[in-house]
Amino acid sequence: MDSQDLLEHLAELAAQLGISIRRTDLGGSGGSLINLRGRQILFIDILADPQDQLERLIPDFARLPNLDQIYIIPELRQLLDEYK
């Protein structure tokens, strides 16, 4: 599975968790998962390539609680587990 597919699965996971998703120009930084006024928002940098986006976002997602209780495709689960 390529980086773009994994990124789409990560975005689906975010939606499943009730995280808002914003795709925007962040200058190539990759993106970030933030808390803003009690809401989680996933920013995906449209200028970064999918591999850079994943490298930036996976550690943020790995810290989320209760991921063990949700089905996540094996390839994405493996990436998340590497950062626990």
N, C-alpha and C. Protein backbone atom coordinates (compact mmCIF):
# COMPACT_ATOMS: atom_id res chain seq x y z
N MET A 1 0.86 -1.17 0.00
CA MET A 1 0.00 0.00 0.00
C MET A 1 0.90 1.24 0.00
N ASP A 2 0.59 2.20 -0.85
CA ASP A 2 1.45 3.38 -0.94
C ASP A 2 1.05 4.44 0.08
N SER A 3 1.87 5.47 0.17
CA SER A 3 1.69 6.53 1.16
C SER A 3 0.36 7.26 1.00
N GLN A 4 -0.06 7.48 -0.24
CA GLN A 4 -1.33 8.18 -0.46
C GLN A 4 -2.50 7.36 0.08
N ASP A 5 -2.48 6.05 -0.16
CA ASP A 5 -3.55 5.19 0.36
C ASP A 5 -3.56 5.19 1.89
N LEU A 6 -2.38 5.10 2.50
CA LEU A 6 -2.30 5.13 3.95
C LEU A 6 -2.79 6.46 4.52
N LEU A 7 -2.47 7.54 3.84
CA LEU A 7 -2.94 8.85 4.27
C LEU A 7 -4.46 8.94 4.21
N GLU A 8 -5.05 8.37 3.18
CA GLU A 8 -6.51 8.36 3.08
C GLU A 8 -7.13 7.53 4.20
N HIS A 9 -6.52 6.41 4.54
CA HIS A 9 -7.00 5.60 5.66
C HIS A 9 -6.86 6.35 6.98
N LEU A 10 -5.80 7.13 7.12
CA LEU A 10 -5.60 7.94 8.32
C LEU A 10 -6.70 9.00 8.41
N ALA A 11 -7.04 9.61 7.28
CA ALA A 11 -8.12 10.61 7.27
C ALA A 11 -9.46 9.96 7.61
N GLU A 12 -9.69 8.74 7.12
CA GLU A 12 -10.91 8.02 7.46
C GLU A 12 -10.96 7.71 8.96
N LEU A 13 -9.82 7.34 9.53
CA LEU A 13 -9.74 7.09 10.96
C LEU A 13 -10.07 8.37 11.72
N ALA A 14 -9.52 9.48 11.28
CA ALA A 14 -9.81 10.76 11.92
C ALA A 14 -11.31 11.05 11.91
N ALA A 15 -11.94 10.86 10.77
CA ALA A 15 -13.38 11.10 10.67
C ALA A 15 -14.15 10.17 11.60
N GLN A 16 -13.73 8.92 11.67
CA GLN A 16 -14.38 7.95 12.54
C GLN A 16 -14.27 8.37 14.01
N LEU A 17 -13.17 9.02 14.36
CA LEU A 17 -12.94 9.47 15.73
C LEU A 17 -13.56 10.84 16.01
N GLY A 18 -14.23 11.42 15.02
CA GLY A 18 -14.87 12.72 15.19
C GLY A 18 -13.91 13.89 15.08
N ILE A 19 -12.77 13.67 14.46
CA ILE A 19 -11.77 14.72 14.27
C ILE A 19 -12.06 15.45 12.97
N SER A 20 -12.13 16.77 13.04
CA SER A 20 -12.33 17.58 11.84
C SER A 20 -11.07 17.53 10.98
N ILE A 21 -11.25 17.56 9.67
CA ILE A 21 -10.12 17.47 8.75
C ILE A 21 -10.09 18.73 7.89
N ARG A 22 -8.92 19.32 7.84
CA ARG A 22 -8.72 20.49 6.99
C ARG A 22 -7.51 20.27 6.11
N ARG A 23 -7.69 20.34 4.83
CA ARG A 23 -6.59 20.24 3.87
C ARG A 23 -6.27 21.67 3.42
N THR A 24 -5.06 22.09 3.72
CA THR A 24 -4.71 23.48 3.47
C THR A 24 -3.22 23.64 3.19
N ASP A 25 -2.83 24.79 2.71
CA ASP A 25 -1.43 25.12 2.45
C ASP A 25 -0.76 25.49 3.77
N LEU A 26 0.18 24.64 4.21
CA LEU A 26 0.94 24.91 5.43
C LEU A 26 2.42 25.07 5.13
N GLY A 27 2.74 25.36 3.88
CA GLY A 27 4.12 25.61 3.51
C GLY A 27 4.99 24.38 3.38
N GLY A 28 4.37 23.21 3.26
CA GLY A 28 5.13 21.98 3.08
C GLY A 28 5.51 21.28 4.36
N SER A 29 4.93 21.68 5.49
CA SER A 29 5.29 21.11 6.79
C SER A 29 4.74 19.70 7.01
N GLY A 30 3.75 19.29 6.25
CA GLY A 30 3.19 17.95 6.39
C GLY A 30 1.83 17.94 7.06
N GLY A 31 1.69 18.71 8.12
CA GLY A 31 0.42 18.78 8.81
C GLY A 31 0.57 18.55 10.29
N SER A 32 -0.57 18.51 10.99
CA SER A 32 -0.55 18.33 12.43
C SER A 32 -1.95 18.01 12.93
N LEU A 33 -2.00 17.34 14.06
CA LEU A 33 -3.25 17.09 14.77
C LEU A 33 -3.22 17.97 16.00
N ILE A 34 -4.19 18.89 16.10
CA ILE A 34 -4.17 19.85 17.20
C ILE A 34 -5.49 19.83 17.96
N ASN A 35 -5.46 20.37 19.16
CA ASN A 35 -6.66 20.63 19.95
C ASN A 35 -6.88 22.13 19.92
N LEU A 36 -8.07 22.53 19.52
CA LEU A 36 -8.41 23.95 19.45
C LEU A 36 -9.77 24.14 20.09
N ARG A 37 -9.78 24.80 21.23
CA ARG A 37 -11.02 25.06 21.95
C ARG A 37 -11.80 23.77 22.22
N GLY A 38 -11.08 22.74 22.61
CA GLY A 38 -11.71 21.49 22.98
C GLY A 38 -12.07 20.57 21.82
N ARG A 39 -11.72 20.95 20.62
CA ARG A 39 -12.00 20.12 19.44
C ARG A 39 -10.68 19.71 18.80
N GLN A 40 -10.64 18.49 18.31
CA GLN A 40 -9.46 18.03 17.60
C GLN A 40 -9.62 18.32 16.11
N ILE A 41 -8.55 18.84 15.53
CA ILE A 41 -8.56 19.17 14.11
C ILE A 41 -7.30 18.60 13.48
N LEU A 42 -7.47 17.89 12.37
CA LEU A 42 -6.36 17.35 11.61
C LEU A 42 -6.10 18.29 10.44
N PHE A 43 -4.92 18.89 10.43
CA PHE A 43 -4.50 19.73 9.31
C PHE A 43 -3.59 18.90 8.43
N ILE A 44 -3.93 18.79 7.16
CA ILE A 44 -3.12 18.08 6.18
C ILE A 44 -2.59 19.12 5.19
N ASP A 45 -1.28 19.20 5.11
CA ASP A 45 -0.63 20.19 4.25
C ASP A 45 -0.66 19.72 2.80
N ILE A 46 -1.38 20.43 1.96
CA ILE A 46 -1.53 20.03 0.56
C ILE A 46 -0.24 20.22 -0.25
N LEU A 47 0.72 20.97 0.30
CA LEU A 47 1.99 21.18 -0.42
C LEU A 47 3.00 20.07 -0.15
N ALA A 48 2.81 19.31 0.91
CA ALA A 48 3.74 18.23 1.26
C ALA A 48 3.36 16.96 0.50
N ASP A 49 4.37 16.13 0.21
CA ASP A 49 4.05 14.86 -0.44
C ASP A 49 3.49 13.90 0.62
N PRO A 50 2.74 12.88 0.18
CA PRO A 50 2.06 11.98 1.12
C PRO A 50 3.00 11.33 2.14
N GLN A 51 4.21 10.98 1.75
CA GLN A 51 5.14 10.36 2.70
C GLN A 51 5.50 11.34 3.82
N ASP A 52 5.75 12.60 3.49
CA ASP A 52 6.04 13.61 4.51
C ASP A 52 4.83 13.85 5.40
N GLN A 53 3.64 13.84 4.81
CA GLN A 53 2.43 14.01 5.60
C GLN A 53 2.30 12.88 6.62
N LEU A 54 2.50 11.64 6.17
CA LEU A 54 2.41 10.50 7.08
C LEU A 54 3.45 10.58 8.20
N GLU A 55 4.69 10.90 7.84
CA GLU A 55 5.75 10.97 8.84
C GLU A 55 5.45 12.02 9.91
N ARG A 56 4.77 13.05 9.52
CA ARG A 56 4.42 14.10 10.48
C ARG A 56 3.18 13.74 11.31
N LEU A 57 2.21 13.05 10.70
CA LEU A 57 0.93 12.80 11.36
C LEU A 57 0.86 11.52 12.18
N ILE A 58 1.58 10.49 11.77
CA ILE A 58 1.50 9.21 12.48
C ILE A 58 1.85 9.34 13.96
N PRO A 59 2.93 10.05 14.34
CA PRO A 59 3.21 10.18 15.78
C PRO A 59 2.08 10.87 16.56
N ASP A 60 1.42 11.84 15.94
CA ASP A 60 0.29 12.50 16.60
C ASP A 60 -0.84 11.52 16.85
N PHE A 61 -1.15 10.70 15.86
CA PHE A 61 -2.23 9.73 16.00
C PHE A 61 -1.88 8.61 16.97
N ALA A 62 -0.62 8.23 17.00
CA ALA A 62 -0.20 7.13 17.88
C ALA A 62 -0.45 7.45 19.35
N ARG A 63 -0.51 8.72 19.70
CA ARG A 63 -0.74 9.13 21.09
C ARG A 63 -2.22 9.18 21.46
N LEU A 64 -3.10 9.00 20.51
CA LEU A 64 -4.53 9.05 20.81
C LEU A 64 -4.94 7.84 21.65
N PRO A 65 -5.84 8.06 22.62
CA PRO A 65 -6.30 6.94 23.44
C PRO A 65 -7.30 6.05 22.70
N ASN A 66 -7.43 4.85 23.15
CA ASN A 66 -8.46 3.90 22.70
C ASN A 66 -8.32 3.43 21.26
N LEU A 67 -7.15 3.57 20.65
CA LEU A 67 -6.99 3.07 19.28
C LEU A 67 -7.05 1.55 19.23
N ASP A 68 -6.74 0.90 20.34
CA ASP A 68 -6.79 -0.56 20.38
C ASP A 68 -8.22 -1.09 20.25
N GLN A 69 -9.19 -0.24 20.48
CA GLN A 69 -10.60 -0.65 20.43
C GLN A 69 -11.24 -0.41 19.07
N ILE A 70 -10.47 0.08 18.12
CA ILE A 70 -10.98 0.43 16.79
C ILE A 70 -10.26 -0.41 15.75
N TYR A 71 -11.02 -0.89 14.75
CA TYR A 71 -10.36 -1.60 13.66
C TYR A 71 -9.60 -0.60 12.80
N ILE A 72 -8.33 -0.89 12.59
CA ILE A 72 -7.47 -0.09 11.73
C ILE A 72 -6.76 -1.07 10.80
N ILE A 73 -6.70 -0.77 9.52
CA ILE A 73 -6.07 -1.70 8.59
C ILE A 73 -4.66 -2.03 9.08
N PRO A 74 -4.21 -3.27 8.86
CA PRO A 74 -2.93 -3.72 9.41
C PRO A 74 -1.73 -2.84 9.05
N GLU A 75 -1.66 -2.33 7.83
CA GLU A 75 -0.52 -1.51 7.44
C GLU A 75 -0.45 -0.22 8.25
N LEU A 76 -1.59 0.40 8.47
CA LEU A 76 -1.65 1.63 9.26
C LEU A 76 -1.43 1.32 10.73
N ARG A 77 -2.00 0.24 11.22
CA ARG A 77 -1.81 -0.17 12.62
C ARG A 77 -0.32 -0.37 12.91
N GLN A 78 0.40 -0.99 12.00
CA GLN A 78 1.83 -1.23 12.19
C GLN A 78 2.58 0.10 12.33
N LEU A 79 2.25 1.07 11.48
CA LEU A 79 2.91 2.38 11.58
C LEU A 79 2.61 3.05 12.91
N LEU A 80 1.36 2.98 13.34
CA LEU A 80 0.97 3.60 14.62
C LEU A 80 1.68 2.92 15.78
N ASP A 81 1.77 1.60 15.75
CA ASP A 81 2.41 0.85 16.83
C ASP A 81 3.89 1.17 16.96
N GLU A 82 4.53 1.55 15.87
CA GLU A 82 5.94 1.90 15.91
C GLU A 82 6.21 3.16 16.75
N TYR A 83 5.20 3.99 16.96
CA TYR A 83 5.36 5.23 17.71
C TYR A 83 4.78 5.20 19.10
N LYS A 84 4.30 4.04 19.54
CA LYS A 84 3.75 3.95 20.90
C LYS A 84 4.85 3.83 21.91
